[in-house]
Amino acid sequence: MMDAADLFAGLGGWTAAAAEAGVRVRLAANHSPQACRWFQRNHPDVVSVCQDLGEFDWTRLPDITDGFLLASPACQGFSTTSQGERTPRQVRKHQRDRNTTWAVVAAADSQSPRCIVVENVRQMLTWRLFPAWRGCLEAMGYHVTERVINAHDYGSPQERHRAIVVASLDGPVELAPEWGEGPGAACVGDVLLDDQELPEGAWEDVSSKTPKMAHRMARAHRRSGRCLWNNVTDETERRLSQPSQTITTRSRGQLYLVDGARCRRLMPREQARLQGFPDTYRIPSAVTLASKLIGNAIDLHVASGVLAQVAA
């Protein structure tokens, strides 16, 4: 069994997928105490380090020279650059987020793992310093390839486009555009809880919403019937036979199931299912925290498909 380290581990998507691929994660690291606590609850046998990885001593990594380095650096600094940065505080935060990507280079310089797999939003590939970042890995002898993968093409019930960068000492690794059961294998309707599984008061009357919101919900229902409605995008709804919109850290306040004259928010467990987490996976009962951790995670369909290919 090959060993691995999971950087920016969050809720533990890479670690959960690694076990399926016959890869043993020996150490996981993240800066968020809340994320580390929930990671440890799901993966008690993995050493969990809670620390700012910009200050991490990379000699503490386990021996992964014949294994994997898995990483999902902070993405907001990339995903927001095209939207414009409005305040000095936002500029500083987004710069700090982008800086986390260099932890991968530092870890590689220290340990020289056989294979490195990095997941992030696709805007990372157009980052002005991406050629330099990639060049650092190539200077260490890595063959670096990139592919943007839609999670739905890997069997996920959501559409989620993410950049996957694979750096291998053994030669270039070309990831397949589709994997597993492929597109069409899963949809919104597959993840919904039954009414008896919902907390009391989950359903609301559409008429209780603001007039504008109620009008948009009613229009979405006329077009698509029972649907998953997003209140912040131009593409407002998805039929239950379609994949969902991308799950984000804010999906708790943005995604509603609309069913005629009633509506409800998408539940955290449903969000987790959309990301591929099994129902046995522990998530917070606090809905805001749950949505944040789930939205930051890697889709397990993607993680499993990628690792099945690079570990072959």
C-alpha atoms as a PDB file:
ATOM      1  CA  MET A   1       0.000   0.000   0.000  1.00  0.00           C
ATOM      2  CA  MET A   2       1.325   3.429  -0.967  1.00  0.00           C
ATOM      3  CA  ASP A   3       1.441   6.258   1.558  1.00  0.00           C
ATOM      4  CA  ALA A   4       0.251   9.827   1.121  1.00  0.00           C
ATOM      5  CA  ALA A   5      -0.074  13.206   2.799  1.00  0.00           C
ATOM      6  CA  ASP A   6      -3.228  15.312   2.421  1.00  0.00           C
ATOM      7  CA  LEU A   7      -2.631  19.082   2.536  1.00  0.00           C
ATOM      8  CA  PHE A   8      -5.505  21.528   3.061  1.00  0.00           C
ATOM      9  CA  ALA A   9      -7.440  18.391   3.932  1.00  0.00           C
ATOM     10  CA  GLY A  10     -10.655  20.119   5.023  1.00  0.00           C
ATOM     11  CA  LEU A  11     -13.460  17.634   5.589  1.00  0.00           C
ATOM     12  CA  GLY A  12     -11.290  14.819   4.205  1.00  0.00           C
ATOM     13  CA  GLY A  13     -12.435  14.188   0.653  1.00  0.00           C
ATOM     14  CA  TRP A  14      -8.996  13.232  -0.668  1.00  0.00           C
ATOM     15  CA  THR A  15      -8.376  10.975   2.327  1.00  0.00           C
ATOM     16  CA  ALA A  16     -11.717   9.205   1.933  1.00  0.00           C
ATOM     17  CA  ALA A  17     -11.055   8.617  -1.778  1.00  0.00           C
ATOM     18  CA  ALA A  18      -7.483   7.472  -1.154  1.00  0.00           C
ATOM     19  CA  ALA A  19      -8.630   4.512   0.915  1.00  0.00           C
ATOM     20  CA  GLU A  20     -10.716   3.282  -2.031  1.00  0.00           C
ATOM     21  CA  ALA A  21      -7.648   3.515  -4.295  1.00  0.00           C
ATOM     22  CA  GLY A  22      -5.443   1.522  -1.932  1.00  0.00           C
ATOM     23  CA  VAL A  23      -3.544   4.601  -0.762  1.00  0.00           C
ATOM     24  CA  ARG A  24      -3.001   5.183   2.956  1.00  0.00           C
ATOM     25  CA  VAL A  25      -3.010   8.814   4.090  1.00  0.00           C
ATOM     26  CA  ARG A  26      -0.628   9.032   7.020  1.00  0.00           C
ATOM     27  CA  LEU A  27      -0.797  12.778   7.711  1.00  0.00           C
ATOM     28  CA  ALA A  28      -3.390  15.436   6.957  1.00  0.00           C
ATOM     29  CA  ALA A  29      -2.968  19.137   7.576  1.00  0.00           C
ATOM     30  CA  ASN A  30      -5.265  22.147   7.591  1.00  0.00           C
ATOM     31  CA  HIS A  31      -5.320  25.586   9.205  1.00  0.00           C
ATOM     32  CA  SER A  32      -8.958  25.506  10.382  1.00  0.00           C
ATOM     33  CA  PRO A  33      -9.584  24.018  13.855  1.00  0.00           C
ATOM     34  CA  GLN A  34     -13.194  23.262  12.920  1.00  0.00           C
ATOM     35  CA  ALA A  35     -12.171  21.414   9.752  1.00  0.00           C
ATOM     36  CA  CYS A  36      -9.508  19.487  11.662  1.00  0.00           C
ATOM     37  CA  ARG A  37     -12.001  18.387  14.320  1.00  0.00           C
ATOM     38  CA  TRP A  38     -14.417  16.996  11.742  1.00  0.00           C
ATOM     39  CA  PHE A  39     -11.614  15.427   9.731  1.00  0.00           C
ATOM     40  CA  GLN A  40     -10.446  13.605  12.853  1.00  0.00           C
ATOM     41  CA  ARG A  41     -13.953  12.344  13.601  1.00  0.00           C
ATOM     42  CA  ASN A  42     -14.093  10.713  10.198  1.00  0.00           C
ATOM     43  CA  HIS A  43     -10.454   9.620  10.004  1.00  0.00           C
ATOM     44  CA  PRO A  44      -9.269   8.898  13.559  1.00  0.00           C
ATOM     45  CA  ASP A  45      -6.323   6.778  12.375  1.00  0.00           C
ATOM     46  CA  VAL A  46      -4.729   9.630  10.402  1.00  0.00           C
ATOM     47  CA  VAL A  47      -2.356  12.085  12.095  1.00  0.00           C
ATOM     48  CA  SER A  48      -4.126  15.435  11.835  1.00  0.00           C
ATOM     49  CA  VAL A  49      -2.067  18.635  12.071  1.00  0.00           C
ATOM     50  CA  CYS A  50      -3.867  21.929  12.598  1.00  0.00           C
ATOM     51  CA  GLN A  51      -1.536  24.678  11.461  1.00  0.00           C
ATOM     52  CA  ASP A  52      -1.043  27.474   8.954  1.00  0.00           C
ATOM     53  CA  LEU A  53       0.802  25.577   6.226  1.00  0.00           C
ATOM     54  CA  GLY A  54       2.748  28.690   5.354  1.00  0.00           C
ATOM     55  CA  GLU A  55       4.651  28.033   8.588  1.00  0.00           C
ATOM     56  CA  PHE A  56       4.772  24.237   8.451  1.00  0.00           C
ATOM     57  CA  ASP A  57       8.039  22.358   8.933  1.00  0.00           C
ATOM     58  CA  TRP A  58       7.973  20.129   5.860  1.00  0.00           C
ATOM     59  CA  THR A  59      10.548  17.764   7.338  1.00  0.00           C
ATOM     60  CA  ARG A  60       7.688  16.573   9.576  1.00  0.00           C
ATOM     61  CA  LEU A  61       5.967  14.929   6.622  1.00  0.00           C
ATOM     62  CA  PRO A  62       6.003  11.125   6.629  1.00  0.00           C
ATOM     63  CA  ASP A  63       8.108   9.341   4.043  1.00  0.00           C
ATOM     64  CA  ILE A  64       6.055   9.637   0.857  1.00  0.00           C
ATOM     65  CA  THR A  65       8.920   9.375  -1.632  1.00  0.00           C
ATOM     66  CA  ASP A  66       7.218   6.349  -3.172  1.00  0.00           C
ATOM     67  CA  GLY A  67       3.724   7.733  -2.626  1.00  0.00           C
ATOM     68  CA  PHE A  68       1.497  10.740  -3.085  1.00  0.00           C
ATOM     69  CA  LEU A  69       1.114  14.331  -2.065  1.00  0.00           C
ATOM     70  CA  LEU A  70      -2.548  15.376  -2.318  1.00  0.00           C
ATOM     71  CA  ALA A  71      -3.509  19.018  -1.993  1.00  0.00           C
ATOM     72  CA  SER A  72      -6.444  21.392  -2.401  1.00  0.00           C
ATOM     73  CA  PRO A  73      -5.039  24.864  -1.673  1.00  0.00           C
ATOM     74  CA  ALA A  74      -7.391  27.743  -0.883  1.00  0.00           C
ATOM     75  CA  CYS A  75      -9.375  28.579  -4.007  1.00  0.00           C
ATOM     76  CA  GLN A  76     -11.094  31.892  -3.273  1.00  0.00           C
ATOM     77  CA  GLY A  77      -8.084  33.944  -4.298  1.00  0.00           C
ATOM     78  CA  PHE A  78      -8.409  32.484  -7.791  1.00  0.00           C
ATOM     79  CA  SER A  79     -12.188  32.283  -8.132  1.00  0.00           C
ATOM     80  CA  THR A  80     -12.715  35.932  -7.172  1.00  0.00           C
ATOM     81  CA  THR A  81     -10.014  37.593  -9.263  1.00  0.00           C
ATOM     82  CA  SER A  82     -12.283  37.921 -12.290  1.00  0.00           C
ATOM     83  CA  GLN A  83     -14.944  39.602 -10.174  1.00  0.00           C
ATOM     84  CA  GLY A  84     -12.761  42.516  -9.116  1.00  0.00           C
ATOM     85  CA  GLU A  85     -11.395  43.097  -5.629  1.00  0.00           C
ATOM     86  CA  ARG A  86     -13.184  45.881  -3.862  1.00  0.00           C
ATOM     87  CA  THR A  87     -11.417  46.574  -0.595  1.00  0.00           C
ATOM     88  CA  PRO A  88      -7.834  46.398   0.716  1.00  0.00           C
ATOM     89  CA  ARG A  89      -8.950  43.709   3.145  1.00  0.00           C
ATOM     90  CA  GLN A  90     -10.271  41.533   0.292  1.00  0.00           C
ATOM     91  CA  VAL A  91      -7.089  42.093  -1.691  1.00  0.00           C
ATOM     92  CA  ARG A  92      -4.982  40.907   1.258  1.00  0.00           C
ATOM     93  CA  LYS A  93      -7.155  37.862   1.885  1.00  0.00           C
ATOM     94  CA  HIS A  94      -7.173  36.792  -1.733  1.00  0.00           C
ATOM     95  CA  GLN A  95      -3.412  37.199  -1.919  1.00  0.00           C
ATOM     96  CA  ARG A  96      -3.006  35.023   1.185  1.00  0.00           C
ATOM     97  CA  ASP A  97      -5.265  32.416  -0.410  1.00  0.00           C
ATOM     98  CA  ARG A  98      -3.191  32.339  -3.596  1.00  0.00           C
ATOM     99  CA  ASN A  99      -0.013  32.078  -1.544  1.00  0.00           C
ATOM    100  CA  THR A 100      -1.159  28.734  -0.113  1.00  0.00           C
ATOM    101  CA  THR A 101      -0.433  27.159  -3.497  1.00  0.00           C
ATOM    102  CA  TRP A 102       3.304  27.510  -2.843  1.00  0.00           C
ATOM    103  CA  ALA A 103       3.027  25.044   0.060  1.00  0.00           C
ATOM    104  CA  VAL A 104       2.861  22.303  -2.579  1.00  0.00           C
ATOM    105  CA  VAL A 105       6.242  23.379  -3.971  1.00  0.00           C
ATOM    106  CA  ALA A 106       7.776  23.531  -0.481  1.00  0.00           C
ATOM    107  CA  ALA A 107       6.473  20.053   0.382  1.00  0.00           C
ATOM    108  CA  ALA A 108       7.725  18.631  -2.920  1.00  0.00           C
ATOM    109  CA  ASP A 109      11.162  20.169  -2.369  1.00  0.00           C
ATOM    110  CA  SER A 110      11.361  18.514   1.040  1.00  0.00           C
ATOM    111  CA  GLN A 111       9.959  15.056   0.277  1.00  0.00           C
ATOM    112  CA  SER A 112      10.052  14.453  -3.498  1.00  0.00           C
ATOM    113  CA  PRO A 113       6.891  12.324  -3.561  1.00  0.00           C
ATOM    114  CA  ARG A 114       6.506  10.120  -6.621  1.00  0.00           C
ATOM    115  CA  CYS A 115       3.253  11.823  -7.582  1.00  0.00           C
ATOM    116  CA  ILE A 116       1.556  15.106  -6.651  1.00  0.00           C
ATOM    117  CA  VAL A 117      -2.129  15.755  -7.297  1.00  0.00           C
ATOM    118  CA  VAL A 118      -3.525  19.262  -6.829  1.00  0.00           C
ATOM    119  CA  GLU A 119      -7.189  20.282  -7.093  1.00  0.00           C
ATOM    120  CA  ASN A 120      -8.443  23.843  -7.384  1.00  0.00           C
ATOM    121  CA  VAL A 121     -10.847  26.034  -9.323  1.00  0.00           C
ATOM    122  CA  ARG A 122     -10.075  26.212 -13.017  1.00  0.00           C
ATOM    123  CA  GLN A 123      -9.039  29.888 -12.731  1.00  0.00           C
ATOM    124  CA  MET A 124      -5.841  28.660 -11.095  1.00  0.00           C
ATOM    125  CA  LEU A 125      -4.632  27.670 -14.555  1.00  0.00           C
ATOM    126  CA  THR A 126      -4.857  31.300 -15.744  1.00  0.00           C
ATOM    127  CA  TRP A 127      -3.157  32.707 -12.619  1.00  0.00           C
ATOM    128  CA  ARG A 128      -0.309  34.958 -13.747  1.00  0.00           C
ATOM    129  CA  LEU A 129       2.177  32.966 -11.656  1.00  0.00           C
ATOM    130  CA  PHE A 130       0.957  29.530 -12.697  1.00  0.00           C
ATOM    131  CA  PRO A 131       3.766  29.097 -15.281  1.00  0.00           C
ATOM    132  CA  ALA A 132       6.317  29.898 -12.564  1.00  0.00           C
ATOM    133  CA  TRP A 133       4.624  27.554 -10.072  1.00  0.00           C
ATOM    134  CA  ARG A 134       4.535  24.773 -12.638  1.00  0.00           C
ATOM    135  CA  GLY A 135       8.125  25.551 -13.584  1.00  0.00           C
ATOM    136  CA  CYS A 136       9.265  24.968 -10.002  1.00  0.00           C
ATOM    137  CA  LEU A 137       7.848  21.444 -10.101  1.00  0.00           C
ATOM    138  CA  GLU A 138       9.384  20.801 -13.521  1.00  0.00           C
ATOM    139  CA  ALA A 139      12.773  21.963 -12.206  1.00  0.00           C
ATOM    140  CA  MET A 140      12.499  19.162  -9.626  1.00  0.00           C
ATOM    141  CA  GLY A 141      12.036  16.607 -12.381  1.00  0.00           C
ATOM    142  CA  TYR A 142       8.248  16.362 -12.410  1.00  0.00           C
ATOM    143  CA  HIS A 143       6.189  15.877 -15.562  1.00  0.00           C
ATOM    144  CA  VAL A 144       3.215  18.206 -15.083  1.00  0.00           C
ATOM    145  CA  THR A 145      -0.160  17.864 -16.786  1.00  0.00           C
ATOM    146  CA  GLU A 146      -3.439  19.690 -16.244  1.00  0.00           C
ATOM    147  CA  ARG A 147      -7.049  18.906 -17.010  1.00  0.00           C
ATOM    148  CA  VAL A 148     -10.299  20.673 -16.165  1.00  0.00           C
ATOM    149  CA  ILE A 149     -12.780  18.020 -15.049  1.00  0.00           C
ATOM    150  CA  ASN A 150     -16.525  18.388 -14.700  1.00  0.00           C
ATOM    151  CA  ALA A 151     -17.532  16.245 -11.718  1.00  0.00           C
ATOM    152  CA  HIS A 152     -20.675  15.152 -13.576  1.00  0.00           C
ATOM    153  CA  ASP A 153     -18.436  13.488 -16.176  1.00  0.00           C
ATOM    154  CA  TYR A 154     -17.002  11.393 -13.351  1.00  0.00           C
ATOM    155  CA  GLY A 155     -20.424  10.208 -12.193  1.00  0.00           C
ATOM    156  CA  SER A 156     -21.309  13.009  -9.767  1.00  0.00           C
ATOM    157  CA  PRO A 157     -24.888  14.334  -9.428  1.00  0.00           C
ATOM    158  CA  GLN A 158     -23.572  17.901  -9.706  1.00  0.00           C
ATOM    159  CA  GLU A 159     -21.809  19.997 -12.319  1.00  0.00           C
ATOM    160  CA  ARG A 160     -18.548  21.180 -10.778  1.00  0.00           C
ATOM    161  CA  HIS A 161     -15.613  22.202 -12.952  1.00  0.00           C
ATOM    162  CA  ARG A 162     -12.242  21.870 -11.244  1.00  0.00           C
ATOM    163  CA  ALA A 163      -8.635  21.977 -12.376  1.00  0.00           C
ATOM    164  CA  ILE A 164      -6.613  18.863 -11.584  1.00  0.00           C
ATOM    165  CA  VAL A 165      -2.843  19.174 -11.842  1.00  0.00           C
ATOM    166  CA  VAL A 166      -0.822  15.949 -11.782  1.00  0.00           C
ATOM    167  CA  ALA A 167       2.958  16.112 -11.321  1.00  0.00           C
ATOM    168  CA  SER A 168       4.667  12.737 -11.662  1.00  0.00           C
ATOM    169  CA  LEU A 169       8.304  11.672 -11.566  1.00  0.00           C
ATOM    170  CA  ASP A 170       7.436   8.615 -13.672  1.00  0.00           C
ATOM    171  CA  GLY A 171       6.243  10.506 -16.748  1.00  0.00           C
ATOM    172  CA  PRO A 172       3.191  12.462 -17.930  1.00  0.00           C
ATOM    173  CA  VAL A 173      -0.201  11.338 -16.622  1.00  0.00           C
ATOM    174  CA  GLU A 174      -3.128  12.118 -18.906  1.00  0.00           C
ATOM    175  CA  LEU A 175      -6.453  11.976 -17.080  1.00  0.00           C
ATOM    176  CA  ALA A 176      -9.529  10.733 -18.884  1.00  0.00           C
ATOM    177  CA  PRO A 177     -12.272  13.318 -19.611  1.00  0.00           C
ATOM    178  CA  GLU A 178     -14.855  10.841 -18.261  1.00  0.00           C
ATOM    179  CA  TRP A 179     -14.620   8.194 -15.592  1.00  0.00           C
ATOM    180  CA  GLY A 180     -16.719   5.662 -13.741  1.00  0.00           C
ATOM    181  CA  GLU A 181     -20.352   5.659 -14.719  1.00  0.00           C
ATOM    182  CA  GLY A 182     -19.807   8.947 -16.516  1.00  0.00           C
ATOM    183  CA  PRO A 183     -22.276  11.745 -17.300  1.00  0.00           C
ATOM    184  CA  GLY A 184     -25.927  11.016 -16.781  1.00  0.00           C
ATOM    185  CA  ALA A 185     -25.236   8.473 -14.048  1.00  0.00           C
ATOM    186  CA  ALA A 186     -26.641  10.622 -11.241  1.00  0.00           C
ATOM    187  CA  CYS A 187     -28.908  13.636 -10.816  1.00  0.00           C
ATOM    188  CA  VAL A 188     -30.487  15.928  -8.237  1.00  0.00           C
ATOM    189  CA  GLY A 189     -33.384  13.565  -7.611  1.00  0.00           C
ATOM    190  CA  ASP A 190     -30.975  10.850  -6.436  1.00  0.00           C
ATOM    191  CA  VAL A 191     -29.825  12.794  -3.363  1.00  0.00           C
ATOM    192  CA  LEU A 192     -33.026  14.274  -1.930  1.00  0.00           C
ATOM    193  CA  LEU A 193     -34.202  13.300   1.539  1.00  0.00           C
ATOM    194  CA  ASP A 194     -37.712  11.958   2.014  1.00  0.00           C
ATOM    195  CA  ASP A 195     -40.108  14.300   3.795  1.00  0.00           C
ATOM    196  CA  GLN A 196     -40.086  12.120   6.921  1.00  0.00           C
ATOM    197  CA  GLU A 197     -36.306  12.573   7.166  1.00  0.00           C
ATOM    198  CA  LEU A 198     -36.545  16.366   7.217  1.00  0.00           C
ATOM    199  CA  PRO A 199     -36.516  18.505  10.356  1.00  0.00           C
ATOM    200  CA  GLU A 200     -39.841  19.991  11.400  1.00  0.00           C
ATOM    201  CA  GLY A 201     -40.624  23.203   9.580  1.00  0.00           C
ATOM    202  CA  ALA A 202     -38.254  22.521   6.695  1.00  0.00           C
ATOM    203  CA  TRP A 203     -40.944  23.312   4.114  1.00  0.00           C
ATOM    204  CA  GLU A 204     -42.143  26.916   3.748  1.00  0.00           C
ATOM    205  CA  ASP A 205     -44.837  28.554   1.670  1.00  0.00           C
ATOM    206  CA  VAL A 206     -43.456  30.233  -1.414  1.00  0.00           C
ATOM    207  CA  SER A 207     -45.786  33.135  -0.589  1.00  0.00           C
ATOM    208  CA  SER A 208     -43.829  33.744   2.630  1.00  0.00           C
ATOM    209  CA  LYS A 209     -40.819  34.890   0.613  1.00  0.00           C
ATOM    210  CA  THR A 210     -40.298  38.397  -0.734  1.00  0.00           C
ATOM    211  CA  PRO A 211     -42.538  39.166  -3.734  1.00  0.00           C
ATOM    212  CA  LYS A 212     -39.552  39.128  -6.093  1.00  0.00           C
ATOM    213  CA  MET A 213     -38.254  35.825  -4.749  1.00  0.00           C
ATOM    214  CA  ALA A 214     -41.721  34.235  -4.795  1.00  0.00           C
ATOM    215  CA  HIS A 215     -42.256  35.395  -8.390  1.00  0.00           C
ATOM    216  CA  ARG A 216     -38.933  33.878  -9.511  1.00  0.00           C
ATOM    217  CA  MET A 217     -39.651  30.602  -7.724  1.00  0.00           C
ATOM    218  CA  ALA A 218     -43.093  30.360  -9.334  1.00  0.00           C
ATOM    219  CA  ARG A 219     -41.616  31.087 -12.756  1.00  0.00           C
ATOM    220  CA  ALA A 220     -38.970  28.372 -12.265  1.00  0.00           C
ATOM    221  CA  HIS A 221     -41.658  25.875 -11.282  1.00  0.00           C
ATOM    222  CA  ARG A 222     -43.747  26.713 -14.348  1.00  0.00           C
ATOM    223  CA  ARG A 223     -40.745  26.078 -16.567  1.00  0.00           C
ATOM    224  CA  SER A 224     -39.289  23.000 -14.902  1.00  0.00           C
ATOM    225  CA  GLY A 225     -41.779  21.554 -12.428  1.00  0.00           C
ATOM    226  CA  ARG A 226     -40.334  20.333  -9.130  1.00  0.00           C
ATOM    227  CA  CYS A 227     -36.798  21.675  -9.293  1.00  0.00           C
ATOM    228  CA  LEU A 228     -33.657  22.806  -7.509  1.00  0.00           C
ATOM    229  CA  TRP A 229     -33.634  26.587  -7.633  1.00  0.00           C
ATOM    230  CA  ASN A 230     -30.652  28.886  -7.183  1.00  0.00           C
ATOM    231  CA  ASN A 231     -31.442  32.409  -6.071  1.00  0.00           C
ATOM    232  CA  VAL A 232     -28.162  34.054  -7.130  1.00  0.00           C
ATOM    233  CA  THR A 233     -27.386  32.879 -10.663  1.00  0.00           C
ATOM    234  CA  ASP A 234     -28.817  33.544 -14.092  1.00  0.00           C
ATOM    235  CA  GLU A 235     -29.365  29.822 -14.597  1.00  0.00           C
ATOM    236  CA  THR A 236     -31.872  29.706 -11.788  1.00  0.00           C
ATOM    237  CA  GLU A 237     -33.181  26.127 -11.709  1.00  0.00           C
ATOM    238  CA  ARG A 238     -32.368  22.502 -12.505  1.00  0.00           C
ATOM    239  CA  ARG A 239     -34.902  19.759 -13.096  1.00  0.00           C
ATOM    240  CA  LEU A 240     -34.557  16.829 -10.713  1.00  0.00           C
ATOM    241  CA  SER A 241     -33.476  14.685 -13.665  1.00  0.00           C
ATOM    242  CA  GLN A 242     -30.481  16.980 -14.221  1.00  0.00           C
ATOM    243  CA  PRO A 243     -27.225  17.440 -12.292  1.00  0.00           C
ATOM    244  CA  SER A 244     -27.293  20.156  -9.660  1.00  0.00           C
ATOM    245  CA  GLN A 245     -25.500  23.459  -9.763  1.00  0.00           C
ATOM    246  CA  THR A 246     -22.069  23.588  -8.124  1.00  0.00           C
ATOM    247  CA  ILE A 247     -22.164  23.135  -4.361  1.00  0.00           C
ATOM    248  CA  THR A 248     -20.374  26.042  -2.671  1.00  0.00           C
ATOM    249  CA  THR A 249     -19.739  27.215   0.877  1.00  0.00           C
ATOM    250  CA  ARG A 250     -22.886  29.339   0.549  1.00  0.00           C
ATOM    251  CA  SER A 251     -25.235  26.757  -0.919  1.00  0.00           C
ATOM    252  CA  ARG A 252     -27.244  26.570   2.314  1.00  0.00           C
ATOM    253  CA  GLY A 253     -28.580  30.061   1.638  1.00  0.00           C
ATOM    254  CA  GLN A 254     -28.768  29.794  -2.137  1.00  0.00           C
ATOM    255  CA  LEU A 255     -30.283  26.450  -3.136  1.00  0.00           C
ATOM    256  CA  TYR A 256     -33.982  25.683  -2.652  1.00  0.00           C
ATOM    257  CA  LEU A 257     -36.128  22.760  -3.632  1.00  0.00           C
ATOM    258  CA  VAL A 258     -39.280  24.234  -5.165  1.00  0.00           C
ATOM    259  CA  ASP A 259     -42.382  22.033  -5.210  1.00  0.00           C
ATOM    260  CA  GLY A 260     -45.490  23.912  -6.320  1.00  0.00           C
ATOM    261  CA  ALA A 261     -46.563  26.345  -3.605  1.00  0.00           C
ATOM    262  CA  ARG A 262     -43.912  25.177  -1.139  1.00  0.00           C
ATOM    263  CA  CYS A 263     -40.142  25.418  -0.952  1.00  0.00           C
ATOM    264  CA  ARG A 264     -37.283  24.449   1.336  1.00  0.00           C
ATOM    265  CA  ARG A 265     -33.551  24.909   1.598  1.00  0.00           C
ATOM    266  CA  LEU A 266     -31.255  22.131   0.527  1.00  0.00           C
ATOM    267  CA  MET A 267     -30.219  20.193   3.641  1.00  0.00           C
ATOM    268  CA  PRO A 268     -26.532  19.668   4.584  1.00  0.00           C
ATOM    269  CA  ARG A 269     -26.853  15.904   4.156  1.00  0.00           C
ATOM    270  CA  GLU A 270     -28.160  16.476   0.626  1.00  0.00           C
ATOM    271  CA  GLN A 271     -25.225  18.790  -0.079  1.00  0.00           C
ATOM    272  CA  ALA A 272     -22.870  16.097   1.203  1.00  0.00           C
ATOM    273  CA  ARG A 273     -24.500  13.522  -1.074  1.00  0.00           C
ATOM    274  CA  LEU A 274     -24.044  15.847  -4.043  1.00  0.00           C
ATOM    275  CA  GLN A 275     -20.328  15.946  -3.186  1.00  0.00           C
ATOM    276  CA  GLY A 276     -20.194  12.161  -3.014  1.00  0.00           C
ATOM    277  CA  PHE A 277     -19.930  11.724   0.752  1.00  0.00           C
ATOM    278  CA  PRO A 278     -21.732   8.611   2.033  1.00  0.00           C
ATOM    279  CA  ASP A 279     -24.424   8.959   4.679  1.00  0.00           C
ATOM    280  CA  THR A 280     -22.068   7.332   7.186  1.00  0.00           C
ATOM    281  CA  TYR A 281     -19.737  10.320   6.861  1.00  0.00           C
ATOM    282  CA  ARG A 282     -20.054  12.624   9.854  1.00  0.00           C
ATOM    283  CA  ILE A 283     -20.930  16.263   9.226  1.00  0.00           C
ATOM    284  CA  PRO A 284     -21.750  19.097  11.651  1.00  0.00           C
ATOM    285  CA  SER A 285     -25.297  19.604  12.846  1.00  0.00           C
ATOM    286  CA  ALA A 286     -24.756  23.371  12.608  1.00  0.00           C
ATOM    287  CA  VAL A 287     -25.958  24.066   9.070  1.00  0.00           C
ATOM    288  CA  THR A 288     -23.707  27.058   8.334  1.00  0.00           C
ATOM    289  CA  LEU A 289     -20.560  25.201   9.363  1.00  0.00           C
ATOM    290  CA  ALA A 290     -21.690  22.061   7.528  1.00  0.00           C
ATOM    291  CA  SER A 291     -22.250  24.004   4.302  1.00  0.00           C
ATOM    292  CA  LYS A 292     -18.854  25.679   4.606  1.00  0.00           C
ATOM    293  CA  LEU A 293     -16.965  22.413   5.099  1.00  0.00           C
ATOM    294  CA  ILE A 294     -18.934  20.527   2.439  1.00  0.00           C
ATOM    295  CA  GLY A 295     -18.652  23.337  -0.107  1.00  0.00           C
ATOM    296  CA  ASN A 296     -14.880  23.520   0.379  1.00  0.00           C
ATOM    297  CA  ALA A 297     -14.417  19.774  -0.104  1.00  0.00           C
ATOM    298  CA  ILE A 298     -13.374  17.972  -3.254  1.00  0.00           C
ATOM    299  CA  ASP A 299     -16.099  15.972  -4.977  1.00  0.00           C
ATOM    300  CA  LEU A 300     -15.401  12.347  -4.043  1.00  0.00           C
ATOM    301  CA  HIS A 301     -16.338  11.110  -7.506  1.00  0.00           C
ATOM    302  CA  VAL A 302     -13.526  13.232  -8.942  1.00  0.00           C
ATOM    303  CA  ALA A 303     -11.062  12.362  -6.181  1.00  0.00           C
ATOM    304  CA  SER A 304     -11.737   8.633  -6.546  1.00  0.00           C
ATOM    305  CA  GLY A 305     -11.530   8.703 -10.341  1.00  0.00           C
ATOM    306  CA  VAL A 306      -8.317  10.696 -10.390  1.00  0.00           C
ATOM    307  CA  LEU A 307      -6.607   8.512  -7.787  1.00  0.00           C
ATOM    308  CA  ALA A 308      -7.698   5.325  -9.562  1.00  0.00           C
ATOM    309  CA  GLN A 309      -5.850   6.577 -12.619  1.00  0.00           C
ATOM    310  CA  VAL A 310      -2.674   7.916 -11.019  1.00  0.00           C
ATOM    311  CA  ALA A 311      -2.321   4.966  -8.623  1.00  0.00           C
ATOM    312  CA  ALA A 312      -2.725   2.343 -11.353  1.00  0.00           C
END
